[in-house]
Amino acid sequence: MHVILEKLNLGPKIYSITVDVPFIAKKAQAGQFVMVKLHEKGERVPLTISDYDRDKGTITIVFQDVGKTSGLLASMNTGDRITDILGPQGNPTEIALFGTVIVVGGGIGVAPVYPLAQALREKGNYVISALGYRSKEHVFWEDKLRSVSDEVYLATNDGSYGKKGFVTDALKEILDAGKHIDRVFAIGPTIMMKGIVDVAKRKNIPVVVSLNSLMVCGMGMCGACRVTIAGKVRFTCMDGPDFDGAGVDFEELMQRLDTYKHEESH
């Protein structure tokens, strides 16, 4: 059983929880996730680690209330206990001195961009953060990202904060300015990541994407999280979640993500 030490409401149905899990906090790295089961009969859901504190033994998770389990998690409060948290799962993001990098976060994907930007900057990279939100009321962690970035570009769909448009438009603006970019990292909705790959491809810039495929076991046994990368089947939980964006079959991934839309809405 793991105690929720802090719960914050970051925006419309957007929450963060900080949980006491020393054994995970000790090993967690940017790009990894945990499998969470709220109670004995609950389903297992993958949630990305958005921050961690090794000294305090805590991890922070940011999530959106969109379904049964996330809704139940949103109803929990400080002091409540989560039955099982398994992790850290997945392979950490490759962190090296690349030069000038752009980290792109869309919606809830902004949260896991934070430890990524922090790790890249600590390695000596010049970090540019491009953040995309639906509207001003959905903006969260802007200050945290500014604290670990050399430049920040912010866009909202409706133009209520930052520049009007999508985060792909922010990336185009950065690239069109002529600055040399060595690598792009993207975390967010699948359609957004596909757009980022398409934009960066025009400048021959490699893009690392963190895929959010359907996942059940999180340990490579069920096969639910399979994706096609460069024509070969890979498991997001064991081979990812990071992949070379140029090799991802995004059309197949988006079709698979829609498989249970009817059941999810029900």
Protein backbone atom coordinates (compact mmCIF):
# COMPACT_ATOMS: atom_id res chain seq x y z
CA MET A 1 0.00 0.00 0.00
CA HIS A 2 1.35 3.39 -1.02
CA VAL A 3 0.29 6.65 0.60
CA ILE A 4 -0.69 9.71 -1.45
CA LEU A 5 1.32 12.51 0.17
CA GLU A 6 -0.01 15.35 -1.97
CA LYS A 7 -2.77 15.89 -4.50
CA LEU A 8 -3.15 19.02 -6.64
CA ASN A 9 -5.74 20.13 -9.17
CA LEU A 10 -3.73 21.55 -12.09
CA GLY A 11 -6.60 22.33 -14.46
CA PRO A 12 -9.92 21.00 -15.79
CA LYS A 13 -9.87 17.34 -14.74
CA ILE A 14 -6.05 17.48 -14.56
CA TYR A 15 -4.43 16.32 -11.34
CA SER A 16 -1.04 15.52 -9.88
CA ILE A 17 -0.38 13.13 -7.04
CA THR A 18 2.84 12.60 -5.16
CA VAL A 19 3.19 9.10 -3.76
CA ASP A 20 5.55 7.52 -1.23
CA VAL A 21 7.39 4.78 -3.18
CA PRO A 22 11.09 4.83 -2.18
CA PHE A 23 12.06 1.72 -4.16
CA ILE A 24 10.77 3.31 -7.39
CA ALA A 25 12.05 6.82 -6.68
CA LYS A 26 15.53 5.40 -6.14
CA LYS A 27 15.73 4.07 -9.70
CA ALA A 28 13.33 6.23 -11.72
CA GLN A 29 14.64 8.05 -14.78
CA ALA A 30 13.16 10.30 -17.45
CA GLY A 31 10.94 8.41 -19.87
CA GLN A 32 9.86 5.63 -17.53
CA PHE A 33 6.38 4.82 -16.22
CA VAL A 34 4.61 2.84 -13.52
CA MET A 35 1.74 0.35 -13.61
CA VAL A 36 -0.88 1.36 -11.05
CA LYS A 37 -3.65 -0.76 -9.53
CA LEU A 38 -5.84 1.25 -7.17
CA HIS A 39 -7.49 -1.63 -5.34
CA GLU A 40 -7.43 -5.42 -5.25
CA LYS A 41 -9.97 -5.84 -8.07
CA GLY A 42 -8.91 -2.80 -10.08
CA GLU A 43 -7.42 -2.72 -13.56
CA ARG A 44 -3.72 -2.02 -14.16
CA VAL A 45 -3.07 1.30 -15.89
CA PRO A 46 0.23 2.79 -17.13
CA LEU A 47 1.07 6.28 -15.85
CA THR A 48 4.23 8.16 -16.75
CA ILE A 49 6.56 9.32 -13.99
CA SER A 50 6.49 13.12 -14.21
CA ASP A 51 8.91 13.87 -11.38
CA TYR A 52 10.77 12.05 -8.63
CA ASP A 53 12.70 12.85 -5.47
CA ARG A 54 15.24 10.22 -4.48
CA ASP A 55 15.91 11.77 -1.08
CA LYS A 56 12.23 11.92 -0.10
CA GLY A 57 11.44 8.60 -1.79
CA THR A 58 8.54 10.01 -3.82
CA ILE A 59 7.33 10.09 -7.40
CA THR A 60 4.83 12.49 -8.95
CA ILE A 61 2.24 11.47 -11.52
CA VAL A 62 0.14 13.86 -13.60
CA PHE A 63 -3.04 12.45 -15.13
CA GLN A 64 -6.39 13.45 -16.58
CA ASP A 65 -9.79 12.19 -15.42
CA VAL A 66 -11.00 10.52 -18.63
CA GLY A 67 -12.19 7.05 -17.65
CA LYS A 68 -13.20 4.71 -14.86
CA THR A 69 -9.81 4.20 -13.21
CA SER A 70 -8.52 7.73 -13.73
CA GLY A 71 -11.84 8.99 -12.36
CA LEU A 72 -11.43 6.85 -9.26
CA LEU A 73 -7.86 8.08 -8.84
CA ALA A 74 -9.10 11.67 -9.19
CA SER A 75 -11.52 11.04 -6.31
CA MET A 76 -8.72 9.99 -3.96
CA ASN A 77 -7.08 12.47 -1.62
CA THR A 78 -4.00 13.05 0.50
CA GLY A 79 -3.63 10.20 2.97
CA ASP A 80 -5.44 7.64 0.81
CA ARG A 81 -3.58 4.49 -0.17
CA ILE A 82 -2.99 2.88 -3.55
CA THR A 83 -2.79 -0.91 -3.49
CA ASP A 84 -0.07 -1.57 -6.08
CA ILE A 85 2.49 0.51 -7.98
CA LEU A 86 4.90 -1.47 -10.18
CA GLY A 87 7.98 0.18 -11.62
CA PRO A 88 9.92 1.85 -12.87
CA GLN A 89 8.85 0.24 -16.15
CA GLY A 90 10.12 0.85 -19.66
CA ASN A 91 13.51 1.98 -20.88
CA PRO A 92 14.79 5.39 -19.78
CA THR A 93 15.14 8.03 -22.47
CA GLU A 94 18.65 8.16 -23.91
CA ILE A 95 20.33 11.19 -22.34
CA ALA A 96 23.55 12.41 -23.96
CA LEU A 97 25.21 15.64 -25.02
CA PHE A 98 23.49 16.15 -28.38
CA GLY A 99 23.87 19.93 -28.62
CA THR A 100 20.69 21.92 -29.14
CA VAL A 101 17.52 19.94 -28.52
CA ILE A 102 13.81 20.67 -28.60
CA VAL A 103 11.46 18.94 -26.19
CA VAL A 104 7.83 19.05 -27.28
CA GLY A 105 4.95 18.42 -24.89
CA GLY A 106 1.27 18.43 -25.74
CA GLY A 107 -1.50 18.45 -23.13
CA ILE A 108 -0.79 15.95 -20.35
CA GLY A 109 2.42 15.15 -22.25
CA VAL A 110 3.88 18.38 -20.87
CA ALA A 111 4.35 16.69 -17.48
CA PRO A 112 6.84 13.95 -18.51
CA VAL A 113 8.70 16.53 -20.60
CA TYR A 114 9.82 18.14 -17.34
CA PRO A 115 12.22 15.39 -16.12
CA LEU A 116 13.37 14.94 -19.71
CA ALA A 117 14.27 18.62 -20.15
CA GLN A 118 15.93 18.63 -16.75
CA ALA A 119 18.10 15.59 -17.56
CA LEU A 120 19.07 16.92 -20.99
CA ARG A 121 20.06 20.31 -19.58
CA GLU A 122 22.09 18.73 -16.77
CA LYS A 123 24.00 16.88 -19.49
CA GLY A 124 24.96 20.21 -21.05
CA ASN A 125 22.43 20.52 -23.86
CA TYR A 126 20.81 23.80 -24.90
CA VAL A 127 17.15 22.97 -24.24
CA ILE A 128 14.23 24.56 -26.06
CA SER A 129 10.78 23.60 -24.76
CA ALA A 130 7.71 23.81 -27.00
CA LEU A 131 4.51 23.36 -25.00
CA GLY A 132 0.99 23.02 -26.34
CA TYR A 133 -2.31 23.25 -24.44
CA ARG A 134 -6.02 23.47 -25.32
CA SER A 135 -6.50 26.84 -23.61
CA LYS A 136 -5.16 29.06 -20.83
CA GLU A 137 -7.09 27.18 -18.15
CA HIS A 138 -5.32 23.97 -19.19
CA VAL A 139 -1.83 25.43 -18.77
CA PHE A 140 0.18 23.80 -15.98
CA TRP A 141 3.85 23.46 -14.97
CA GLU A 142 4.92 26.39 -17.12
CA ASP A 143 7.23 27.68 -14.36
CA LYS A 144 8.74 24.23 -13.82
CA LEU A 145 9.57 23.91 -17.53
CA ARG A 146 11.03 27.42 -17.65
CA SER A 147 13.32 26.51 -14.76
CA VAL A 148 14.96 23.71 -16.80
CA SER A 149 14.83 25.28 -20.28
CA ASP A 150 16.92 27.86 -22.12
CA GLU A 151 13.96 28.91 -24.26
CA VAL A 152 10.23 28.24 -23.98
CA TYR A 153 7.59 28.49 -26.72
CA LEU A 154 3.99 28.14 -25.62
CA ALA A 155 0.86 27.73 -27.76
CA THR A 156 -2.83 27.25 -27.07
CA ASN A 157 -5.39 25.99 -29.55
CA ASP A 158 -7.72 28.94 -28.99
CA GLY A 159 -5.05 31.62 -28.54
CA SER A 160 -6.11 32.41 -24.96
CA TYR A 161 -2.48 32.18 -23.80
CA GLY A 162 0.82 32.23 -25.65
CA LYS A 163 0.56 31.99 -29.42
CA LYS A 164 -2.59 30.74 -31.10
CA GLY A 165 -2.19 27.40 -32.82
CA PHE A 166 -0.85 23.92 -32.25
CA VAL A 167 2.50 22.96 -30.81
CA THR A 168 3.48 21.79 -34.31
CA ASP A 169 3.19 25.44 -35.35
CA ALA A 170 5.60 26.37 -32.55
CA LEU A 171 8.06 23.78 -33.84
CA LYS A 172 7.78 25.18 -37.38
CA GLU A 173 8.52 28.66 -36.02
CA ILE A 174 11.65 27.45 -34.24
CA LEU A 175 12.94 25.52 -37.25
CA ASP A 176 12.13 28.32 -39.71
CA ALA A 177 14.22 30.70 -37.58
CA GLY A 178 17.25 28.84 -38.88
CA LYS A 179 18.71 27.65 -35.58
CA HIS A 180 20.60 24.37 -35.85
CA ILE A 181 18.70 21.63 -34.00
CA ASP A 182 20.35 18.30 -33.24
CA ARG A 183 17.39 16.32 -31.92
CA VAL A 184 13.70 16.62 -31.09
CA PHE A 185 11.84 14.74 -28.35
CA ALA A 186 8.02 14.60 -28.42
CA ILE A 187 5.49 13.43 -25.83
CA GLY A 188 1.74 13.89 -26.20
CA PRO A 189 -1.27 12.79 -28.25
CA THR A 190 -0.42 10.37 -31.04
CA ILE A 191 -1.66 12.72 -33.78
CA MET A 192 0.55 15.46 -32.33
CA MET A 193 3.64 13.26 -32.31
CA LYS A 194 2.96 12.26 -35.91
CA GLY A 195 2.76 15.95 -36.83
CA ILE A 196 6.04 16.69 -35.04
CA VAL A 197 7.78 13.88 -36.93
CA ASP A 198 6.43 15.19 -40.25
CA VAL A 199 7.62 18.74 -39.52
CA ALA A 200 11.09 17.69 -38.35
CA LYS A 201 11.51 15.30 -41.26
CA ARG A 202 11.62 18.25 -43.67
CA LYS A 203 14.80 19.43 -41.95
CA ASN A 204 16.22 15.90 -41.54
CA ILE A 205 16.12 16.20 -37.75
CA PRO A 206 15.75 12.94 -35.79
CA VAL A 207 12.72 12.74 -33.48
CA VAL A 208 12.32 10.52 -30.44
CA VAL A 209 8.68 9.85 -29.56
CA SER A 210 7.23 8.32 -26.41
CA LEU A 211 4.37 6.08 -27.50
CA ASN A 212 1.12 5.68 -25.56
CA SER A 213 -0.19 2.42 -26.96
CA LEU A 214 -2.83 0.28 -25.26
CA MET A 215 -1.24 -1.55 -22.35
CA VAL A 216 -2.49 -4.27 -19.99
CA CYS A 217 0.32 -6.11 -18.19
CA GLY A 218 3.26 -3.74 -18.68
CA MET A 219 5.70 -6.68 -18.63
CA GLY A 220 5.78 -7.91 -22.23
CA MET A 221 3.52 -10.93 -21.73
CA CYS A 222 0.08 -9.90 -23.03
CA GLY A 223 1.11 -8.30 -26.33
CA ALA A 224 -1.54 -5.59 -26.08
CA CYS A 225 0.99 -2.76 -26.43
CA ARG A 226 2.50 -3.99 -29.72
CA VAL A 227 3.43 -1.36 -32.27
CA THR A 228 5.08 -1.54 -35.67
CA ILE A 229 8.47 0.15 -35.84
CA ALA A 230 10.35 0.14 -39.15
CA GLY A 231 8.22 -2.81 -40.29
CA LYS A 232 8.86 -4.91 -37.18
CA VAL A 233 6.58 -5.62 -34.21
CA ARG A 234 7.78 -4.14 -30.94
CA PHE A 235 6.28 -3.99 -27.44
CA THR A 236 6.00 -0.50 -25.98
CA CYS A 237 6.40 -1.70 -22.40
CA MET A 238 9.64 -3.61 -22.96
CA ASP A 239 11.19 -2.15 -26.12
CA GLY A 240 10.00 1.43 -25.50
CA PRO A 241 8.22 3.60 -24.71
CA ASP A 242 10.73 5.69 -26.73
CA PHE A 243 11.18 4.98 -30.42
CA ASP A 244 12.62 6.65 -33.49
CA GLY A 245 9.62 8.60 -34.75
CA ALA A 246 10.55 8.10 -38.40
CA GLY A 247 9.96 4.35 -38.08
CA VAL A 248 6.60 4.42 -36.27
CA ASP A 249 3.51 3.24 -38.15
CA PHE A 250 1.31 5.99 -36.74
CA GLU A 251 -1.74 5.06 -38.82
CA GLU A 252 -1.78 1.56 -37.35
CA LEU A 253 -1.18 2.91 -33.85
CA MET A 254 -4.08 5.36 -34.09
CA GLN A 255 -6.40 2.63 -35.41
CA ARG A 256 -5.47 0.36 -32.50
CA LEU A 257 -6.03 3.16 -29.99
CA ASP A 258 -9.59 3.49 -31.34
CA THR A 259 -10.34 -0.24 -30.88
CA TYR A 260 -12.27 0.14 -27.62
CA LYS A 261 -13.67 3.65 -28.05
CA HIS A 262 -17.26 2.40 -27.79
CA GLU A 263 -16.56 0.38 -24.63
CA GLU A 264 -14.60 3.28 -23.13
CA SER A 265 -17.43 5.73 -23.66
CA HIS A 266 -19.91 3.23 -22.19
